[in-house]
């Protein structure tokens, strides 16, 4: 076998064994305008809370599902649990979380779920005090502003209060984990 044939054989084998590579780069624009935190808070449609990581589970090939026990919330996570998604490592722009550790999470909604990415997370961590101040006073799930209770009569074998409580819990579950109903 001549050298060219051997080289070609080795090159084909190496080419076929190559896997896709991913990378993450957070390039900061030096001309980026200063953030108007008040306007940001008015426009913010995401989730902001502090809590401890209760569980981290693989989610698909490139993501993880992170379940938090919420201690305090500013927006969106007005229950004792919140679920966010992130890429499985920083090379994919994922945020690294450790079970049992406490974090403050600020992230936008991405589609029908909350996803954290490394680059925005760096911004939120760097200016955390300003973002949280703009969001206003936070609440613990136990101290959440009370909703006015409405009394319903029972109709036949249907208890409206029980049904509404069930629907409220279901809506919260879907909001925090849209894929749980798939």
C-alpha atoms as a PDB file:
ATOM      1  CA  UNK A   1       0.000   0.000   0.000  1.00  0.00           C
ATOM      2  CA  UNK A   2       1.539   3.288  -0.971  1.00  0.00           C
ATOM      3  CA  UNK A   3       1.795   6.280   1.352  1.00  0.00           C
ATOM      4  CA  UNK A   4      -0.947   8.258  -0.382  1.00  0.00           C
ATOM      5  CA  UNK A   5      -3.485   5.451   0.017  1.00  0.00           C
ATOM      6  CA  UNK A   6      -2.535   5.048   3.678  1.00  0.00           C
ATOM      7  CA  UNK A   7      -2.852   8.809   4.224  1.00  0.00           C
ATOM      8  CA  UNK A   8      -6.237   8.867   2.488  1.00  0.00           C
ATOM      9  CA  UNK A   9      -7.485   5.927   4.583  1.00  0.00           C
ATOM     10  CA  UNK A  10      -6.402   7.579   7.863  1.00  0.00           C
ATOM     11  CA  UNK A  11      -7.897  10.939   6.797  1.00  0.00           C
ATOM     12  CA  UNK A  12     -11.269   9.340   6.004  1.00  0.00           C
ATOM     13  CA  UNK A  13     -11.329   7.499   9.355  1.00  0.00           C
ATOM     14  CA  UNK A  14     -10.489  10.707  11.244  1.00  0.00           C
ATOM     15  CA  UNK A  15     -13.075  12.709   9.308  1.00  0.00           C
ATOM     16  CA  UNK A  16     -15.822  10.196  10.057  1.00  0.00           C
ATOM     17  CA  UNK A  17     -15.035  10.161  13.781  1.00  0.00           C
ATOM     18  CA  UNK A  18     -15.192  13.943  14.277  1.00  0.00           C
ATOM     19  CA  UNK A  19     -18.039  15.162  16.486  1.00  0.00           C
ATOM     20  CA  UNK A  20     -19.594  18.597  16.488  1.00  0.00           C
ATOM     21  CA  UNK A  21     -17.892  21.142  18.729  1.00  0.00           C
ATOM     22  CA  UNK A  22     -19.691  24.000  20.437  1.00  0.00           C
ATOM     23  CA  UNK A  23     -18.349  27.152  22.011  1.00  0.00           C
ATOM     24  CA  UNK A  24     -19.650  30.116  23.964  1.00  0.00           C
ATOM     25  CA  UNK A  25     -18.276  33.621  23.896  1.00  0.00           C
ATOM     26  CA  UNK A  26     -19.675  36.609  25.776  1.00  0.00           C
ATOM     27  CA  UNK A  27     -18.414  39.601  23.848  1.00  0.00           C
ATOM     28  CA  UNK A  28     -19.113  42.876  25.625  1.00  0.00           C
ATOM     29  CA  UNK A  29     -19.835  45.796  23.338  1.00  0.00           C
ATOM     30  CA  UNK A  30     -17.731  48.737  24.580  1.00  0.00           C
ATOM     31  CA  UNK A  31     -20.373  51.106  23.138  1.00  0.00           C
ATOM     32  CA  UNK A  32     -23.264  49.404  24.932  1.00  0.00           C
ATOM     33  CA  UNK A  33     -25.607  52.035  26.371  1.00  0.00           C
ATOM     34  CA  UNK A  34     -26.085  52.158  30.121  1.00  0.00           C
ATOM     35  CA  UNK A  35     -29.045  50.136  31.345  1.00  0.00           C
ATOM     36  CA  UNK A  36     -32.130  52.085  32.405  1.00  0.00           C
ATOM     37  CA  UNK A  37     -33.042  49.760  35.282  1.00  0.00           C
ATOM     38  CA  UNK A  38     -36.448  51.354  35.843  1.00  0.00           C
ATOM     39  CA  UNK A  39     -37.444  50.843  32.205  1.00  0.00           C
ATOM     40  CA  UNK A  40     -35.954  47.352  32.276  1.00  0.00           C
ATOM     41  CA  UNK A  41     -38.145  46.481  35.300  1.00  0.00           C
ATOM     42  CA  UNK A  42     -41.283  47.763  33.518  1.00  0.00           C
ATOM     43  CA  UNK A  43     -40.512  45.659  30.441  1.00  0.00           C
ATOM     44  CA  UNK A  44     -39.241  42.574  32.301  1.00  0.00           C
ATOM     45  CA  UNK A  45     -41.404  39.517  31.600  1.00  0.00           C
ATOM     46  CA  UNK A  46     -39.153  36.942  33.199  1.00  0.00           C
ATOM     47  CA  UNK A  47     -38.597  35.354  36.565  1.00  0.00           C
ATOM     48  CA  UNK A  48     -36.542  36.665  39.484  1.00  0.00           C
ATOM     49  CA  UNK A  49     -36.105  34.733  42.722  1.00  0.00           C
ATOM     50  CA  UNK A  50     -33.620  33.492  45.277  1.00  0.00           C
ATOM     51  CA  UNK A  51     -33.527  29.863  46.236  1.00  0.00           C
ATOM     52  CA  UNK A  52     -31.621  26.662  46.811  1.00  0.00           C
ATOM     53  CA  UNK A  53     -31.077  24.086  44.059  1.00  0.00           C
ATOM     54  CA  UNK A  54     -33.144  21.035  45.012  1.00  0.00           C
ATOM     55  CA  UNK A  55     -32.548  18.876  41.941  1.00  0.00           C
ATOM     56  CA  UNK A  56     -30.651  18.894  38.640  1.00  0.00           C
ATOM     57  CA  UNK A  57     -31.801  16.499  35.913  1.00  0.00           C
ATOM     58  CA  UNK A  58     -30.666  15.924  32.327  1.00  0.00           C
ATOM     59  CA  UNK A  59     -33.133  17.358  29.814  1.00  0.00           C
ATOM     60  CA  UNK A  60     -32.550  16.266  26.255  1.00  0.00           C
ATOM     61  CA  UNK A  61     -29.066  16.011  24.819  1.00  0.00           C
ATOM     62  CA  UNK A  62     -27.740  19.480  25.608  1.00  0.00           C
ATOM     63  CA  UNK A  63     -29.743  20.853  28.552  1.00  0.00           C
ATOM     64  CA  UNK A  64     -30.431  20.327  32.227  1.00  0.00           C
ATOM     65  CA  UNK A  65     -33.602  21.016  34.199  1.00  0.00           C
ATOM     66  CA  UNK A  66     -32.892  22.764  37.508  1.00  0.00           C
ATOM     67  CA  UNK A  67     -35.511  22.706  40.272  1.00  0.00           C
ATOM     68  CA  UNK A  68     -35.199  25.376  42.962  1.00  0.00           C
ATOM     69  CA  UNK A  69     -36.792  25.661  46.384  1.00  0.00           C
ATOM     70  CA  UNK A  70     -37.743  29.355  46.346  1.00  0.00           C
ATOM     71  CA  UNK A  71     -36.944  31.461  49.425  1.00  0.00           C
ATOM     72  CA  UNK A  72     -37.867  34.866  48.025  1.00  0.00           C
ATOM     73  CA  UNK A  73     -39.329  36.067  44.730  1.00  0.00           C
ATOM     74  CA  UNK A  74     -39.477  39.364  42.927  1.00  0.00           C
ATOM     75  CA  UNK A  75     -41.224  38.285  39.732  1.00  0.00           C
ATOM     76  CA  UNK A  76     -42.786  35.139  38.352  1.00  0.00           C
ATOM     77  CA  UNK A  77     -41.872  32.560  41.003  1.00  0.00           C
ATOM     78  CA  UNK A  78     -44.600  33.174  43.544  1.00  0.00           C
ATOM     79  CA  UNK A  79     -44.604  29.565  44.727  1.00  0.00           C
ATOM     80  CA  UNK A  80     -42.169  27.522  46.781  1.00  0.00           C
ATOM     81  CA  UNK A  81     -40.681  25.902  43.666  1.00  0.00           C
ATOM     82  CA  UNK A  82     -39.313  27.182  40.351  1.00  0.00           C
ATOM     83  CA  UNK A  83     -37.943  25.279  37.384  1.00  0.00           C
ATOM     84  CA  UNK A  84     -35.456  26.702  34.921  1.00  0.00           C
ATOM     85  CA  UNK A  85     -33.477  25.192  32.080  1.00  0.00           C
ATOM     86  CA  UNK A  86     -29.901  25.820  30.998  1.00  0.00           C
ATOM     87  CA  UNK A  87     -27.350  24.273  28.677  1.00  0.00           C
ATOM     88  CA  UNK A  88     -25.476  21.412  30.309  1.00  0.00           C
ATOM     89  CA  UNK A  89     -22.123  23.237  30.406  1.00  0.00           C
ATOM     90  CA  UNK A  90     -20.542  26.661  29.965  1.00  0.00           C
ATOM     91  CA  UNK A  91     -19.183  25.700  26.536  1.00  0.00           C
ATOM     92  CA  UNK A  92     -22.811  25.755  25.399  1.00  0.00           C
ATOM     93  CA  UNK A  93     -23.434  29.040  27.290  1.00  0.00           C
ATOM     94  CA  UNK A  94     -25.053  27.197  30.199  1.00  0.00           C
ATOM     95  CA  UNK A  95     -24.982  28.435  33.777  1.00  0.00           C
ATOM     96  CA  UNK A  96     -23.428  25.989  36.230  1.00  0.00           C
ATOM     97  CA  UNK A  97     -25.580  25.243  39.277  1.00  0.00           C
ATOM     98  CA  UNK A  98     -24.730  22.938  42.194  1.00  0.00           C
ATOM     99  CA  UNK A  99     -27.323  21.002  44.194  1.00  0.00           C
ATOM    100  CA  UNK A 100     -27.770  22.402  47.688  1.00  0.00           C
ATOM    101  CA  UNK A 101     -26.305  25.836  46.887  1.00  0.00           C
ATOM    102  CA  UNK A 102     -28.267  29.093  46.982  1.00  0.00           C
ATOM    103  CA  UNK A 103     -28.564  31.417  43.999  1.00  0.00           C
ATOM    104  CA  UNK A 104     -30.356  34.545  42.894  1.00  0.00           C
ATOM    105  CA  UNK A 105     -31.813  33.864  39.449  1.00  0.00           C
ATOM    106  CA  UNK A 106     -32.956  36.556  37.035  1.00  0.00           C
ATOM    107  CA  UNK A 107     -33.888  35.348  33.574  1.00  0.00           C
ATOM    108  CA  UNK A 108     -36.236  36.090  30.716  1.00  0.00           C
ATOM    109  CA  UNK A 109     -38.845  33.680  29.437  1.00  0.00           C
ATOM    110  CA  UNK A 110     -37.710  31.795  26.347  1.00  0.00           C
ATOM    111  CA  UNK A 111     -40.750  30.428  24.592  1.00  0.00           C
ATOM    112  CA  UNK A 112     -42.858  28.607  27.155  1.00  0.00           C
ATOM    113  CA  UNK A 113     -40.161  28.166  29.806  1.00  0.00           C
ATOM    114  CA  UNK A 114     -37.422  29.982  31.690  1.00  0.00           C
ATOM    115  CA  UNK A 115     -33.904  29.435  30.370  1.00  0.00           C
ATOM    116  CA  UNK A 116     -30.669  30.847  31.796  1.00  0.00           C
ATOM    117  CA  UNK A 117     -27.683  31.628  29.604  1.00  0.00           C
ATOM    118  CA  UNK A 118     -24.147  32.459  30.663  1.00  0.00           C
ATOM    119  CA  UNK A 119     -23.807  35.894  29.029  1.00  0.00           C
ATOM    120  CA  UNK A 120     -26.982  37.535  30.420  1.00  0.00           C
ATOM    121  CA  UNK A 121     -26.296  35.844  33.761  1.00  0.00           C
ATOM    122  CA  UNK A 122     -22.903  37.574  33.943  1.00  0.00           C
ATOM    123  CA  UNK A 123     -24.691  40.918  33.410  1.00  0.00           C
ATOM    124  CA  UNK A 124     -27.304  40.147  36.068  1.00  0.00           C
ATOM    125  CA  UNK A 125     -24.681  38.996  38.592  1.00  0.00           C
ATOM    126  CA  UNK A 126     -22.449  42.006  37.943  1.00  0.00           C
ATOM    127  CA  UNK A 127     -25.309  44.471  38.532  1.00  0.00           C
ATOM    128  CA  UNK A 128     -27.542  42.345  40.773  1.00  0.00           C
ATOM    129  CA  UNK A 129     -28.252  45.093  43.323  1.00  0.00           C
ATOM    130  CA  UNK A 130     -29.438  47.515  40.618  1.00  0.00           C
ATOM    131  CA  UNK A 131     -31.703  44.933  38.965  1.00  0.00           C
ATOM    132  CA  UNK A 132     -33.268  43.799  42.248  1.00  0.00           C
ATOM    133  CA  UNK A 133     -33.767  47.394  43.403  1.00  0.00           C
ATOM    134  CA  UNK A 134     -35.576  48.150  40.136  1.00  0.00           C
ATOM    135  CA  UNK A 135     -37.834  45.113  40.638  1.00  0.00           C
ATOM    136  CA  UNK A 136     -38.876  46.400  44.054  1.00  0.00           C
ATOM    137  CA  UNK A 137     -39.596  44.618  47.301  1.00  0.00           C
ATOM    138  CA  UNK A 138     -39.453  40.853  47.100  1.00  0.00           C
ATOM    139  CA  UNK A 139     -41.721  38.439  48.946  1.00  0.00           C
ATOM    140  CA  UNK A 140     -41.369  35.034  50.487  1.00  0.00           C
ATOM    141  CA  UNK A 141     -43.873  32.518  49.099  1.00  0.00           C
ATOM    142  CA  UNK A 142     -45.586  32.468  52.524  1.00  0.00           C
ATOM    143  CA  UNK A 143     -45.878  36.279  52.552  1.00  0.00           C
ATOM    144  CA  UNK A 144     -47.159  36.651  49.001  1.00  0.00           C
ATOM    145  CA  UNK A 145     -49.868  39.258  48.717  1.00  0.00           C
ATOM    146  CA  UNK A 146     -53.140  37.573  49.601  1.00  0.00           C
ATOM    147  CA  UNK A 147     -55.630  37.083  46.824  1.00  0.00           C
ATOM    148  CA  UNK A 148     -59.197  37.908  47.680  1.00  0.00           C
ATOM    149  CA  UNK A 149     -61.017  34.670  48.449  1.00  0.00           C
ATOM    150  CA  UNK A 150     -64.321  34.093  46.701  1.00  0.00           C
ATOM    151  CA  UNK A 151     -66.901  31.756  48.211  1.00  0.00           C
ATOM    152  CA  UNK A 152     -68.819  29.467  45.893  1.00  0.00           C
ATOM    153  CA  UNK A 153     -71.833  27.289  46.457  1.00  0.00           C
ATOM    154  CA  UNK A 154     -71.622  23.578  45.823  1.00  0.00           C
ATOM    155  CA  UNK A 155     -73.411  22.472  42.676  1.00  0.00           C
ATOM    156  CA  UNK A 156     -74.374  18.812  42.855  1.00  0.00           C
ATOM    157  CA  UNK A 157     -71.189  16.865  43.552  1.00  0.00           C
ATOM    158  CA  UNK A 158     -68.841  19.648  42.355  1.00  0.00           C
ATOM    159  CA  UNK A 159     -67.166  21.816  44.975  1.00  0.00           C
ATOM    160  CA  UNK A 160     -66.088  24.977  43.134  1.00  0.00           C
ATOM    161  CA  UNK A 161     -63.500  25.968  45.740  1.00  0.00           C
ATOM    162  CA  UNK A 162     -61.781  22.589  45.436  1.00  0.00           C
ATOM    163  CA  UNK A 163     -61.893  22.714  41.627  1.00  0.00           C
ATOM    164  CA  UNK A 164     -60.492  26.265  41.545  1.00  0.00           C
ATOM    165  CA  UNK A 165     -57.694  25.303  43.943  1.00  0.00           C
ATOM    166  CA  UNK A 166     -56.870  22.337  41.697  1.00  0.00           C
ATOM    167  CA  UNK A 167     -56.863  24.529  38.563  1.00  0.00           C
ATOM    168  CA  UNK A 168     -54.699  27.146  40.297  1.00  0.00           C
ATOM    169  CA  UNK A 169     -52.150  24.484  41.305  1.00  0.00           C
ATOM    170  CA  UNK A 170     -52.232  23.028  37.783  1.00  0.00           C
ATOM    171  CA  UNK A 171     -51.658  26.459  36.204  1.00  0.00           C
ATOM    172  CA  UNK A 172     -48.690  27.061  38.521  1.00  0.00           C
ATOM    173  CA  UNK A 173     -47.245  23.656  37.646  1.00  0.00           C
ATOM    174  CA  UNK A 174     -47.599  24.340  33.918  1.00  0.00           C
ATOM    175  CA  UNK A 175     -46.044  27.791  34.312  1.00  0.00           C
ATOM    176  CA  UNK A 176     -43.037  26.390  36.162  1.00  0.00           C
ATOM    177  CA  UNK A 177     -42.640  23.210  34.082  1.00  0.00           C
ATOM    178  CA  UNK A 178     -44.450  23.361  30.729  1.00  0.00           C
ATOM    179  CA  UNK A 179     -43.187  19.927  29.710  1.00  0.00           C
ATOM    180  CA  UNK A 180     -44.772  18.205  32.715  1.00  0.00           C
ATOM    181  CA  UNK A 181     -48.087  18.142  30.871  1.00  0.00           C
ATOM    182  CA  UNK A 182     -46.667  16.826  27.581  1.00  0.00           C
END
